[in-house]
Amino acid sequence: MYQSSDKIYSLHFILLCLSNALFSASFNMMIPELPAYLTQMGGADYKGYIIGLFTLMAGLSRPFSGKLTDTIGRVPVMIFGSLVCVVCSLIYPLISSVGAFLLLRFFHGFSTGFKPTGTAAYISDMVPVTRRGEAMGMVGLFSTIGMAMGPAIGGYVAVRWNINVLFQLSAVFALLSVVILIGMKETLVNKQRFRFSLLKISANEIFEPLVWSPVIITFLTYFSYGAILTIIPDFSAFLGITNKGVFFTFYTGSSIGIRLLAGKVSDRYGRVPVLKISAILMAGSMLMMGLAGNGTLLLAAAIVYGISVGLNSPAVTAWTVDLGQPEHRGRALASMYIAMEAGIGLGAYLSAFIYHNQSANFPITFYVLAGITLLATLYLSFVYKPRKVSNAVM
């Protein structure tokens, strides 16, 4: 593996962060508008599939992205993920049926199935273990900036022009992400040329057993995210918030404020204490949403939720790298991301099922999510048993 000094803020690092911001903005800018877009097609009953199908494909593609990250390199995997966003964004305006829309959402999931796996492995190669959480916090910071910009820009463009212009702008952002990656130095030393036989996945290449604990925590804490992506646009409209992207702006804004500090804290005090706190805050934010009777309270809950995610994301990613083997770094990260996609997808389906397009069901939906999130704290407090590893910050 590529070895670096104690420095983490190199030109390559900053460019990678910028690429991540553009990629994140690309697919997030359309999310607040897609429920209404699907409804106009006659697919109101399929809102849960908008996120569910996307995350299903992302999860199914993770074993492939993990193996390819460990064989052909980190950079090709990142480029492929961004190119999928370019192509899919350009196809959205060409479809007019619910079935075609759902199929496209399914294939769009390839993007997040590949890009984050390659990015996290690339960052892990570049930085020392003592600053791994800080580095993950910084790259996550830029992703969060993209998440903040995306819905706000998307909401403005959709209102000012139309949703087809929004799709085209999404493709431009993703293409700029690709341009940055072209020519970037590869960090995988013994890389191989791509061959189709690499797409054959054996049973032991699907999951990295050394990272069970971060996988469980990721799964439990990302249930809420799938629900938020699915029902917050409707809940925002119900509470009188015209721009459905405002919740995401508040949530990502507070996440930005905590991410870098959270990464440093997990480097110093350990991943598990930070993850316990984040799960408690996340459950609390779900309770706040369930009790919210106006837009102000909902946005306050968005701030608390953003802080919890900002604490969680860099710590759990760094913990996954800590526990995994360096030669199987892509596989370890892919395992964590499979759990993330599973949590998001099931959270989307569960929330859509409980909500059932009935505003009276908003509170119970959020209360159920709070209970699921609290299971993460219970696992870390009473079930998890730390093991000694040489490259870990527990």
Protein backbone atom coordinates (compact mmCIF):
# COMPACT_ATOMS: atom_id res chain seq x y z
CA MET A 1 0.00 0.00 0.00
CA TYR A 2 0.96 3.61 -0.59
CA GLN A 3 2.49 5.17 2.51
CA SER A 4 2.30 8.85 3.42
CA SER A 5 3.88 11.15 6.01
CA ASP A 6 1.96 12.75 8.85
CA LYS A 7 0.60 15.34 6.40
CA ILE A 8 -2.93 14.79 5.11
CA TYR A 9 -3.75 18.06 3.36
CA SER A 10 -1.98 17.46 0.04
CA LEU A 11 -3.17 18.67 -3.37
CA HIS A 12 -4.47 15.18 -4.14
CA PHE A 13 -6.44 15.16 -0.92
CA ILE A 14 -8.07 18.53 -1.57
CA LEU A 15 -8.91 17.60 -5.18
CA LEU A 16 -10.46 14.35 -3.98
CA CYS A 17 -12.56 16.29 -1.46
CA LEU A 18 -13.73 18.65 -4.21
CA SER A 19 -14.63 15.73 -6.46
CA ASN A 20 -16.65 14.25 -3.60
CA ALA A 21 -18.54 17.50 -3.07
CA LEU A 22 -19.53 17.69 -6.75
CA PHE A 23 -20.52 14.02 -6.84
CA SER A 24 -22.62 14.36 -3.70
CA ALA A 25 -24.35 17.49 -5.00
CA SER A 26 -25.09 15.77 -8.31
CA PHE A 27 -27.40 13.03 -7.05
CA ASN A 28 -28.65 14.82 -3.92
CA MET A 29 -29.96 17.88 -5.78
CA MET A 30 -32.79 15.89 -7.33
CA ILE A 31 -33.94 13.96 -4.23
CA PRO A 32 -36.39 16.56 -2.79
CA GLU A 33 -38.11 16.90 -6.18
CA LEU A 34 -38.40 13.22 -7.10
CA PRO A 35 -41.44 12.33 -4.93
CA ALA A 36 -43.56 15.01 -6.62
CA TYR A 37 -42.10 14.08 -10.03
CA LEU A 38 -43.08 10.45 -9.53
CA THR A 39 -46.52 11.47 -8.27
CA GLN A 40 -47.12 13.44 -11.48
CA MET A 41 -46.40 10.26 -13.42
CA GLY A 42 -49.06 8.46 -11.39
CA GLY A 43 -46.67 6.69 -9.05
CA ALA A 44 -47.59 8.25 -5.68
CA ASP A 45 -47.78 4.81 -4.08
CA TYR A 46 -44.18 4.05 -5.06
CA LYS A 47 -42.41 6.91 -3.23
CA GLY A 48 -40.58 4.45 -1.00
CA TYR A 49 -38.99 2.92 -4.09
CA ILE A 50 -37.20 6.18 -5.00
CA ILE A 51 -34.61 5.58 -2.31
CA GLY A 52 -35.19 1.84 -1.90
CA LEU A 53 -34.29 0.83 -5.46
CA PHE A 54 -31.34 3.24 -5.55
CA THR A 55 -29.88 1.79 -2.37
CA LEU A 56 -30.68 -1.78 -3.40
CA MET A 57 -28.48 -1.50 -6.47
CA ALA A 58 -25.82 0.32 -4.47
CA GLY A 59 -25.78 -2.56 -1.99
CA LEU A 60 -25.74 -5.25 -4.69
CA SER A 61 -22.82 -3.55 -6.43
CA ARG A 62 -20.67 -3.18 -3.28
CA PRO A 63 -18.98 -6.60 -3.45
CA PHE A 64 -17.93 -5.79 -7.02
CA SER A 65 -16.70 -2.30 -6.15
CA GLY A 66 -14.82 -3.68 -3.14
CA LYS A 67 -13.06 -6.35 -5.21
CA LEU A 68 -12.27 -3.97 -8.06
CA THR A 69 -10.97 -1.36 -5.61
CA ASP A 70 -8.53 -3.96 -4.25
CA THR A 71 -7.48 -5.16 -7.74
CA ILE A 72 -7.68 -2.60 -10.56
CA GLY A 73 -7.31 0.41 -8.28
CA ARG A 74 -9.15 3.13 -6.41
CA VAL A 75 -9.23 5.76 -9.18
CA PRO A 76 -10.99 3.69 -11.92
CA VAL A 77 -13.70 2.71 -9.43
CA MET A 78 -14.27 6.35 -8.46
CA ILE A 79 -14.45 7.45 -12.10
CA PHE A 80 -16.95 4.75 -12.99
CA GLY A 81 -19.21 5.74 -10.10
CA SER A 82 -19.28 9.39 -11.18
CA LEU A 83 -19.87 8.50 -14.85
CA VAL A 84 -22.98 6.53 -13.88
CA CYS A 85 -24.40 9.75 -12.41
CA VAL A 86 -23.67 11.61 -15.65
CA VAL A 87 -25.46 9.05 -17.82
CA CYS A 88 -28.47 8.52 -15.55
CA SER A 89 -29.06 12.24 -15.02
CA LEU A 90 -29.21 12.73 -18.80
CA ILE A 91 -31.74 9.89 -19.19
CA TYR A 92 -34.28 11.12 -16.60
CA PRO A 93 -35.84 13.74 -18.96
CA LEU A 94 -36.33 11.07 -21.63
CA ILE A 95 -38.62 8.80 -19.61
CA SER A 96 -42.35 9.21 -19.04
CA SER A 97 -43.58 6.05 -17.29
CA VAL A 98 -43.45 4.92 -13.67
CA GLY A 99 -41.81 1.62 -14.63
CA ALA A 100 -39.02 3.29 -16.60
CA PHE A 101 -38.43 5.77 -13.79
CA LEU A 102 -38.07 3.02 -11.19
CA LEU A 103 -35.74 1.04 -13.46
CA LEU A 104 -33.54 4.10 -13.94
CA ARG A 105 -33.46 4.73 -10.18
CA PHE A 106 -32.30 1.15 -9.76
CA PHE A 107 -29.37 1.56 -12.15
CA HIS A 108 -28.54 5.00 -10.76
CA GLY A 109 -27.58 3.20 -7.55
CA PHE A 110 -24.41 1.95 -9.25
CA SER A 111 -22.98 5.44 -8.64
CA THR A 112 -22.96 5.32 -4.85
CA GLY A 113 -22.11 1.64 -4.99
CA PHE A 114 -18.73 2.51 -6.50
CA LYS A 115 -17.59 6.08 -5.85
CA PRO A 116 -17.59 6.10 -2.01
CA THR A 117 -15.82 2.70 -1.81
CA GLY A 118 -12.95 3.89 -3.98
CA THR A 119 -12.79 7.25 -2.21
CA ALA A 120 -12.61 5.83 1.33
CA ALA A 121 -9.93 3.31 0.31
CA TYR A 122 -7.91 6.06 -1.42
CA ILE A 123 -8.05 8.27 1.67
CA SER A 124 -7.10 5.35 3.95
CA ASP A 125 -4.04 4.69 1.81
CA MET A 126 -2.91 8.30 2.01
CA VAL A 127 -3.13 9.12 5.71
CA PRO A 128 -1.55 7.73 8.92
CA VAL A 129 -3.75 5.81 11.34
CA THR A 130 -3.39 8.52 13.99
CA ARG A 131 -5.18 11.00 11.70
CA ARG A 132 -7.54 8.60 9.94
CA GLY A 133 -10.66 9.88 11.69
CA GLU A 134 -9.70 13.49 10.94
CA ALA A 135 -9.17 12.68 7.26
CA MET A 136 -12.49 10.83 7.01
CA GLY A 137 -14.12 13.80 8.72
CA MET A 138 -12.68 16.22 6.17
CA VAL A 139 -13.66 14.21 3.10
CA GLY A 140 -17.08 13.72 4.67
CA LEU A 141 -17.23 17.46 5.27
CA PHE A 142 -16.96 18.12 1.54
CA SER A 143 -19.53 15.41 0.80
CA THR A 144 -21.83 17.12 3.28
CA ILE A 145 -21.24 20.47 1.60
CA GLY A 146 -22.39 18.80 -1.62
CA MET A 147 -25.43 17.42 0.19
CA ALA A 148 -26.20 20.92 1.49
CA MET A 149 -25.74 22.63 -1.85
CA GLY A 150 -27.52 19.98 -3.88
CA PRO A 151 -31.09 20.09 -2.50
CA ALA A 152 -31.02 23.89 -2.17
CA ILE A 153 -29.79 24.32 -5.76
CA GLY A 154 -32.16 21.63 -6.99
CA GLY A 155 -35.16 23.21 -5.31
CA TYR A 156 -34.30 26.64 -6.74
CA VAL A 157 -33.71 25.35 -10.29
CA ALA A 158 -36.91 23.28 -10.27
CA VAL A 159 -38.97 26.31 -9.21
CA ARG A 160 -37.13 28.86 -11.39
CA TRP A 161 -36.98 26.73 -14.53
CA ASN A 162 -38.14 23.09 -14.57
CA ILE A 163 -37.06 19.66 -13.41
CA ASN A 164 -35.45 18.78 -16.76
CA VAL A 165 -32.98 21.63 -16.28
CA LEU A 166 -32.32 20.21 -12.82
CA PHE A 167 -31.46 16.80 -14.30
CA GLN A 168 -29.09 18.42 -16.81
CA LEU A 169 -27.35 20.41 -14.08
CA SER A 170 -26.95 17.20 -12.08
CA ALA A 171 -25.11 15.66 -15.04
CA VAL A 172 -22.78 18.69 -15.25
CA PHE A 173 -21.83 18.40 -11.58
CA ALA A 174 -21.08 14.68 -11.95
CA LEU A 175 -18.99 15.30 -15.08
CA LEU A 176 -16.90 17.90 -13.24
CA SER A 177 -16.30 15.27 -10.54
CA VAL A 178 -14.91 12.94 -13.23
CA VAL A 179 -12.67 15.64 -14.72
CA ILE A 180 -10.97 16.16 -11.36
CA LEU A 181 -10.27 12.43 -10.99
CA ILE A 182 -8.67 11.96 -14.42
CA GLY A 183 -4.90 11.74 -14.05
CA MET A 184 -5.01 11.42 -10.25
CA LYS A 185 -2.20 9.29 -8.80
CA GLU A 186 -3.23 5.72 -7.98
CA THR A 187 -2.50 4.58 -4.42
CA LEU A 188 -2.92 0.82 -4.94
CA VAL A 189 0.61 -0.45 -5.58
CA ASN A 190 0.04 -3.90 -7.08
CA LYS A 191 -2.89 -3.06 -9.32
CA GLN A 192 -4.12 -5.35 -12.09
CA ARG A 193 -5.59 -4.72 -15.53
CA PHE A 194 -9.35 -5.09 -15.69
CA ARG A 195 -10.66 -8.41 -16.95
CA PHE A 196 -14.18 -9.75 -16.85
CA SER A 197 -13.14 -12.65 -14.62
CA LEU A 198 -12.73 -10.10 -11.81
CA LEU A 199 -16.52 -9.68 -11.84
CA LYS A 200 -16.90 -13.23 -10.58
CA ILE A 201 -17.47 -12.91 -6.84
CA SER A 202 -16.90 -15.85 -4.53
CA ALA A 203 -18.74 -16.19 -1.20
CA ASN A 204 -15.76 -15.05 0.89
CA GLU A 205 -15.39 -11.87 -1.22
CA ILE A 206 -18.85 -10.53 -0.40
CA PHE A 207 -18.26 -9.69 3.23
CA GLU A 208 -15.29 -8.98 5.51
CA PRO A 209 -15.96 -10.80 8.83
CA LEU A 210 -13.49 -8.64 10.78
CA VAL A 211 -15.78 -5.60 10.56
CA TRP A 212 -19.02 -7.04 11.96
CA SER A 213 -19.35 -4.41 14.68
CA PRO A 214 -19.14 -1.30 12.47
CA VAL A 215 -21.45 -3.07 10.01
CA ILE A 216 -24.12 -3.54 12.70
CA ILE A 217 -23.83 0.07 13.89
CA THR A 218 -23.99 1.38 10.34
CA PHE A 219 -27.10 -0.65 9.60
CA LEU A 220 -28.97 0.50 12.71
CA THR A 221 -28.07 4.19 12.42
CA TYR A 222 -28.87 4.57 8.71
CA PHE A 223 -32.47 3.40 9.01
CA SER A 224 -33.38 6.97 9.91
CA TYR A 225 -31.61 8.42 6.89
CA GLY A 226 -33.66 6.32 4.47
CA ALA A 227 -36.82 7.51 6.18
CA ILE A 228 -35.77 11.15 6.06
CA LEU A 229 -35.06 10.98 2.34
CA THR A 230 -38.48 9.41 1.78
CA ILE A 231 -40.93 11.32 3.96
CA ILE A 232 -39.29 14.63 4.94
CA PRO A 233 -40.30 16.31 1.64
CA ASP A 234 -43.97 15.49 2.39
CA PHE A 235 -43.58 16.35 6.09
CA SER A 236 -41.99 19.71 5.19
CA ALA A 237 -44.90 20.55 2.90
CA PHE A 238 -47.37 19.46 5.60
CA LEU A 239 -45.77 21.91 8.05
CA GLY A 240 -45.84 24.75 5.52
CA ILE A 241 -42.21 24.74 4.34
CA THR A 242 -42.38 25.63 0.64
CA ASN A 243 -38.81 24.73 -0.37
CA LYS A 244 -38.54 21.00 0.36
CA GLY A 245 -34.74 21.24 0.34
CA VAL A 246 -34.55 23.54 3.39
CA PHE A 247 -34.60 20.65 5.89
CA PHE A 248 -31.59 19.10 4.13
CA THR A 249 -29.76 22.43 4.16
CA PHE A 250 -30.17 22.78 7.94
CA TYR A 251 -29.26 19.14 8.54
CA THR A 252 -26.15 19.22 6.36
CA GLY A 253 -25.15 22.65 7.66
CA SER A 254 -25.00 21.38 11.24
CA SER A 255 -23.22 18.24 10.07
CA ILE A 256 -20.57 20.40 8.41
CA GLY A 257 -19.95 22.19 11.69
CA ILE A 258 -19.18 18.99 13.62
CA ARG A 259 -17.49 16.59 11.16
CA LEU A 260 -13.85 17.69 11.39
CA LEU A 261 -13.96 17.99 15.17
CA ALA A 262 -15.66 14.59 15.43
CA GLY A 263 -12.94 12.90 13.40
CA LYS A 264 -10.23 14.35 15.63
CA VAL A 265 -12.11 13.34 18.78
CA SER A 266 -12.45 9.74 17.57
CA ASP A 267 -8.71 9.67 16.81
CA ARG A 268 -7.96 10.76 20.37
CA TYR A 269 -10.66 9.12 22.50
CA GLY A 270 -11.75 6.18 20.37
CA ARG A 271 -14.45 5.34 17.85
CA VAL A 272 -16.90 3.59 20.20
CA PRO A 273 -17.51 6.48 22.67
CA VAL A 274 -18.19 8.84 19.77
CA LEU A 275 -20.58 6.37 18.16
CA LYS A 276 -22.53 5.92 21.42
CA ILE A 277 -23.08 9.65 21.71
CA SER A 278 -24.06 9.97 18.06
CA ALA A 279 -26.70 7.22 18.32
CA ILE A 280 -28.29 8.87 21.39
CA LEU A 281 -28.44 12.24 19.61
CA MET A 282 -29.86 10.62 16.49
CA ALA A 283 -32.65 8.92 18.44
CA GLY A 284 -33.37 12.22 20.16
CA SER A 285 -33.69 13.99 16.82
CA MET A 286 -36.22 11.39 15.68
CA LEU A 287 -38.29 12.04 18.79
CA MET A 288 -38.10 15.79 18.10
CA MET A 289 -39.41 15.23 14.57
CA GLY A 290 -42.26 13.14 15.87
CA LEU A 291 -43.24 15.96 18.22
CA ALA A 292 -42.72 18.78 15.69
CA GLY A 293 -45.88 20.76 15.10
CA ASN A 294 -44.38 23.53 12.98
CA GLY A 295 -41.52 24.22 10.62
CA THR A 296 -39.29 25.80 13.27
CA LEU A 297 -39.30 22.67 15.43
CA LEU A 298 -38.65 20.47 12.40
CA LEU A 299 -35.61 22.53 11.42
CA ALA A 300 -34.34 22.40 15.03
CA ALA A 301 -34.60 18.60 14.81
CA ALA A 302 -32.71 18.75 11.51
CA ILE A 303 -29.82 20.50 13.29
CA VAL A 304 -29.63 17.82 16.00
CA TYR A 305 -29.84 15.07 13.37
CA GLY A 306 -27.02 16.70 11.39
CA ILE A 307 -24.79 16.77 14.48
CA SER A 308 -25.45 13.08 15.10
CA VAL A 309 -24.59 12.12 11.52
CA GLY A 310 -21.50 14.35 11.61
CA LEU A 311 -20.28 12.42 14.66
CA ASN A 312 -21.22 9.03 13.26
CA SER A 313 -19.90 9.00 9.70
CA PRO A 314 -16.13 9.66 10.10
CA ALA A 315 -15.94 7.51 13.24
CA VAL A 316 -17.64 4.43 11.78
CA THR A 317 -15.69 4.68 8.51
CA ALA A 318 -12.35 5.00 10.31
CA TRP A 319 -13.35 2.13 12.65
CA THR A 320 -14.04 -0.08 9.64
CA VAL A 321 -10.59 0.62 8.23
CA ASP A 322 -9.04 0.08 11.68
CA LEU A 323 -10.50 -3.41 11.99
CA GLY A 324 -10.07 -4.58 8.40
CA GLN A 325 -6.93 -5.98 6.79
CA PRO A 326 -4.98 -3.49 4.59
CA GLU A 327 -4.95 -5.86 1.60
CA HIS A 328 -8.75 -6.19 1.83
CA ARG A 329 -9.49 -2.55 2.57
CA GLY A 330 -11.93 -2.27 -0.31
CA ARG A 331 -13.81 -5.36 0.87
CA ALA A 332 -14.05 -4.05 4.44
CA LEU A 333 -15.38 -0.70 3.29
CA ALA A 334 -17.77 -2.38 0.85
CA SER A 335 -19.14 -4.44 3.75
CA MET A 336 -19.83 -1.29 5.73
CA TYR A 337 -21.47 0.36 2.74
CA ILE A 338 -23.64 -2.70 2.11
CA ALA A 339 -24.95 -2.27 5.66
CA MET A 340 -25.47 1.43 5.00
CA GLU A 341 -27.47 0.79 1.84
CA ALA A 342 -29.48 -1.93 3.58
CA GLY A 343 -30.30 0.42 6.44
CA ILE A 344 -31.25 3.27 4.10
CA GLY A 345 -33.31 1.02 1.84
CA LEU A 346 -35.20 -0.70 4.64
CA GLY A 347 -35.68 2.63 6.39
CA ALA A 348 -37.20 4.04 3.21
CA TYR A 349 -39.55 1.10 2.78
CA LEU A 350 -40.51 0.95 6.47
CA SER A 351 -41.20 4.68 6.72
CA ALA A 352 -43.26 4.69 3.52
CA PHE A 353 -45.23 1.69 4.80
CA ILE A 354 -45.99 3.26 8.20
CA TYR A 355 -46.65 6.73 6.78
CA HIS A 356 -48.85 5.40 3.94
CA ASN A 357 -49.44 8.95 2.62
CA GLN A 358 -51.43 9.78 5.78
CA SER A 359 -50.23 12.85 7.69
CA ALA A 360 -51.55 11.43 10.97
CA ASN A 361 -48.89 8.71 10.73
CA PHE A 362 -45.88 11.04 10.76
CA PRO A 363 -45.28 10.87 14.56
CA ILE A 364 -45.41 7.07 14.90
CA THR A 365 -43.03 6.74 11.95
CA PHE A 366 -40.39 8.84 13.70
CA TYR A 367 -40.93 7.11 17.07
CA VAL A 368 -40.29 3.70 15.49
CA LEU A 369 -37.08 5.03 13.93
CA ALA A 370 -35.95 6.39 17.32
CA GLY A 371 -36.32 2.93 18.82
CA ILE A 372 -34.31 1.28 16.03
CA THR A 373 -31.52 3.84 16.42
CA LEU A 374 -31.29 3.28 20.18
CA LEU A 375 -30.46 -0.37 19.48
CA ALA A 376 -27.05 0.84 18.29
CA THR A 377 -26.28 2.31 21.71
CA LEU A 378 -27.47 -0.87 23.44
CA TYR A 379 -25.22 -2.98 21.19
CA LEU A 380 -22.12 -0.86 21.89
CA SER A 381 -22.86 -0.76 25.63
CA PHE A 382 -23.76 -4.38 26.35
CA VAL A 383 -22.92 -6.64 23.39
CA TYR A 384 -19.77 -5.35 21.69
CA LYS A 385 -16.48 -6.83 22.92
CA PRO A 386 -13.34 -4.97 21.76
CA ARG A 387 -10.50 -6.96 20.29
CA LYS A 388 -6.83 -6.01 20.05
CA VAL A 389 -5.69 -4.95 16.58
CA SER A 390 -2.49 -3.20 15.60
CA ASN A 391 -3.90 -0.45 13.39
CA ALA A 392 -6.99 0.52 15.38
CA VAL A 393 -8.05 3.47 17.48
CA MET A 394 -10.73 1.97 19.75
